[in-house]
Amino acid sequence: MHRMTTLLALILLIAPLARAQDPDEAPPNPEMQRQEIVNMESETARAILLNNGTFFRRVYSDDFVGTLSHGQAVDKTQMVQAVQSADVKYDSFVATDIKVRIYQDIAVATCLWSSRGTYHGQHFSSQMRVTHVYVNGRRGWQVIAGQSTALPPDAHQPL
């Protein structure tokens, strides 16, 4: 976790220097950028539902670092392998409550993932809170970091 925090802090410091803007170029429309990332979060859920690693190969950066809901650290290759695993078959997988904050060429997206399916033949239903960090570069918005946290069945109880 410390590694991810350090990486995020470094990115926030150097991001303004990494992309010089052409003075004739119109400034980016923040609402369009926000909607693009909302769409990417929804596409992520659909790609997981379909066990489709192609989306992740395109949208996740080569130096992606993430943590799965059970605590396993993964890189891009391991994330693609997890998504394509034949061990899990989803009946549904949706992203809701998507919120996006944009800081120049960096965006942070949070959402709620809800899924139902089978894992090794056993039925499951789960919810996770997910955070993704995006950087906008030459290839557009790419996910550079992710963290998912499984919610307990009684997560909606008051404190």
Protein backbone atom coordinates (compact mmCIF):
# COMPACT_ATOMS: atom_id res chain seq x y z
CA MET A 1 0.00 0.00 0.00
CA HIS A 2 2.89 2.33 0.82
CA ARG A 3 4.33 1.67 -2.65
CA MET A 4 1.05 2.66 -4.32
CA THR A 5 0.77 5.84 -2.22
CA THR A 6 4.34 6.82 -3.08
CA LEU A 7 3.70 6.14 -6.78
CA LEU A 8 0.52 8.25 -6.75
CA ALA A 9 2.30 11.15 -4.99
CA LEU A 10 5.14 11.06 -7.52
CA ILE A 11 2.71 11.04 -10.43
CA LEU A 12 0.77 13.99 -9.03
CA LEU A 13 4.02 15.95 -8.75
CA ILE A 14 5.36 15.29 -12.26
CA ALA A 15 2.12 15.12 -14.26
CA PRO A 16 1.99 18.86 -15.05
CA LEU A 17 5.52 18.68 -16.47
CA ALA A 18 4.90 15.55 -18.54
CA ARG A 19 2.50 17.08 -21.04
CA ALA A 20 3.17 20.47 -22.54
CA GLN A 21 0.04 21.97 -24.07
CA ASP A 22 0.00 23.58 -27.50
CA PRO A 23 -1.07 27.25 -27.08
CA ASP A 24 -3.44 26.88 -30.07
CA GLU A 25 -5.04 23.75 -28.64
CA ALA A 26 -8.42 24.22 -26.98
CA PRO A 27 -8.42 23.36 -23.27
CA PRO A 28 -9.89 19.94 -22.50
CA ASN A 29 -13.56 19.79 -21.59
CA PRO A 30 -13.64 18.44 -18.01
CA GLU A 31 -17.17 17.07 -18.36
CA MET A 32 -16.23 15.14 -21.52
CA GLN A 33 -13.14 13.76 -19.78
CA ARG A 34 -15.20 12.77 -16.75
CA GLN A 35 -17.76 11.00 -18.95
CA GLU A 36 -14.99 9.18 -20.84
CA ILE A 37 -13.69 7.73 -17.58
CA VAL A 38 -17.21 6.84 -16.38
CA ASN A 39 -17.63 4.93 -19.65
CA MET A 40 -14.27 3.19 -19.15
CA GLU A 41 -15.33 2.08 -15.66
CA SER A 42 -18.54 0.59 -17.11
CA GLU A 43 -16.53 -1.07 -19.90
CA THR A 44 -14.19 -2.55 -17.27
CA ALA A 45 -17.15 -4.24 -15.58
CA ARG A 46 -18.42 -5.56 -18.93
CA ALA A 47 -14.96 -6.92 -19.83
CA ILE A 48 -14.80 -8.76 -16.48
CA LEU A 49 -18.31 -10.16 -17.04
CA LEU A 50 -17.19 -11.54 -20.41
CA ASN A 51 -13.75 -12.72 -19.14
CA ASN A 52 -12.28 -10.47 -21.87
CA GLY A 53 -8.63 -9.57 -21.31
CA THR A 54 -8.37 -7.52 -24.53
CA PHE A 55 -9.88 -4.44 -22.87
CA PHE A 56 -7.27 -4.59 -20.09
CA ARG A 57 -4.38 -4.98 -22.53
CA ARG A 58 -5.52 -1.78 -24.27
CA VAL A 59 -6.56 0.39 -21.31
CA TYR A 60 -4.21 -0.67 -18.52
CA SER A 61 -0.69 0.76 -18.67
CA ASP A 62 2.26 -1.58 -19.04
CA ASP A 63 3.46 -0.53 -15.57
CA PHE A 64 0.03 -1.00 -13.91
CA VAL A 65 0.08 -1.99 -10.23
CA GLY A 66 -2.99 -3.17 -8.40
CA THR A 67 -4.34 -5.02 -5.41
CA LEU A 68 -7.17 -7.52 -5.75
CA SER A 69 -9.98 -7.72 -3.17
CA HIS A 70 -8.28 -10.56 -1.26
CA GLY A 71 -5.00 -8.62 -1.00
CA GLN A 72 -3.00 -10.09 -3.88
CA ALA A 73 -0.74 -7.57 -5.62
CA VAL A 74 -0.92 -7.81 -9.43
CA ASP A 75 0.70 -6.29 -12.48
CA LYS A 76 -0.94 -5.92 -15.90
CA THR A 77 -0.19 -9.49 -17.01
CA GLN A 78 -1.51 -10.97 -13.77
CA MET A 79 -4.63 -8.80 -13.99
CA VAL A 80 -5.35 -10.05 -17.52
CA GLN A 81 -4.82 -13.65 -16.33
CA ALA A 82 -7.23 -13.12 -13.42
CA VAL A 83 -9.89 -11.65 -15.73
CA GLN A 84 -9.53 -14.48 -18.27
CA SER A 85 -9.54 -17.25 -15.66
CA ALA A 86 -11.86 -20.15 -16.49
CA ASP A 87 -12.32 -20.73 -12.74
CA VAL A 88 -14.90 -17.95 -12.52
CA LYS A 89 -18.06 -17.53 -14.58
CA TYR A 90 -20.14 -14.40 -14.00
CA ASP A 91 -23.92 -14.24 -14.34
CA SER A 92 -23.76 -10.48 -13.75
CA PHE A 93 -21.08 -7.89 -13.10
CA VAL A 94 -21.93 -4.17 -12.89
CA ALA A 95 -20.21 -0.96 -11.85
CA THR A 96 -22.43 1.61 -10.11
CA ASP A 97 -21.95 4.70 -7.96
CA ILE A 98 -19.13 5.81 -10.30
CA LYS A 99 -17.45 9.03 -9.19
CA VAL A 100 -14.57 10.69 -11.05
CA ARG A 101 -12.24 13.47 -9.97
CA ILE A 102 -9.88 14.97 -12.52
CA TYR A 103 -6.62 16.72 -11.66
CA GLN A 104 -5.15 17.95 -14.97
CA ASP A 105 -3.79 14.75 -16.58
CA ILE A 106 -4.64 12.49 -13.63
CA ALA A 107 -8.04 11.12 -12.71
CA VAL A 108 -9.25 9.08 -9.76
CA ALA A 109 -12.36 6.95 -10.23
CA THR A 110 -14.23 5.17 -7.48
CA CYS A 111 -17.16 2.83 -7.88
CA LEU A 112 -19.10 -0.10 -6.48
CA TRP A 113 -18.71 -3.46 -8.24
CA SER A 114 -21.54 -5.95 -7.72
CA SER A 115 -21.28 -9.47 -9.11
CA ARG A 116 -22.92 -12.89 -9.09
CA GLY A 117 -21.58 -16.09 -10.55
CA THR A 118 -19.78 -19.34 -9.87
CA TYR A 119 -16.21 -19.95 -8.73
CA HIS A 120 -14.97 -23.54 -8.94
CA GLY A 121 -18.62 -24.59 -9.20
CA GLN A 122 -19.71 -22.69 -6.05
CA HIS A 123 -22.26 -19.86 -6.36
CA PHE A 124 -21.21 -16.47 -5.02
CA SER A 125 -22.47 -12.92 -4.75
CA SER A 126 -20.13 -10.06 -3.87
CA GLN A 127 -19.71 -6.32 -3.70
CA MET A 128 -16.44 -4.41 -3.80
CA ARG A 129 -15.40 -0.79 -3.52
CA VAL A 130 -12.89 -0.04 -6.27
CA THR A 131 -10.47 2.82 -6.91
CA HIS A 132 -8.63 3.34 -10.21
CA VAL A 133 -5.99 5.95 -10.98
CA TYR A 134 -5.78 7.10 -14.61
CA VAL A 135 -3.12 9.13 -16.44
CA ASN A 136 -3.91 10.93 -19.70
CA GLY A 137 -0.99 10.56 -22.12
CA ARG A 138 -0.19 9.90 -25.76
CA ARG A 139 -2.46 6.83 -25.79
CA GLY A 140 -5.33 8.59 -24.00
CA TRP A 141 -6.53 7.70 -20.51
CA GLN A 142 -4.83 4.60 -19.08
CA VAL A 143 -5.22 2.91 -15.71
CA ILE A 144 -1.93 2.96 -13.80
CA ALA A 145 -3.12 1.73 -10.39
CA GLY A 146 -6.10 -0.02 -8.88
CA GLN A 147 -7.35 -1.18 -5.49
CA SER A 148 -10.43 -3.27 -4.76
CA THR A 149 -11.85 -3.97 -1.32
CA ALA A 150 -14.44 -6.67 -0.68
CA LEU A 151 -17.43 -5.48 1.30
CA PRO A 152 -18.82 -7.71 4.03
CA PRO A 153 -22.44 -8.82 3.67
CA ASP A 154 -23.54 -6.30 6.32
CA ALA A 155 -21.62 -3.34 4.86
CA HIS A 156 -24.74 -1.19 4.67
CA GLN A 157 -25.28 -1.21 8.45
CA PRO A 158 -24.89 2.12 10.30
CA LEU A 159 -21.66 2.72 12.22
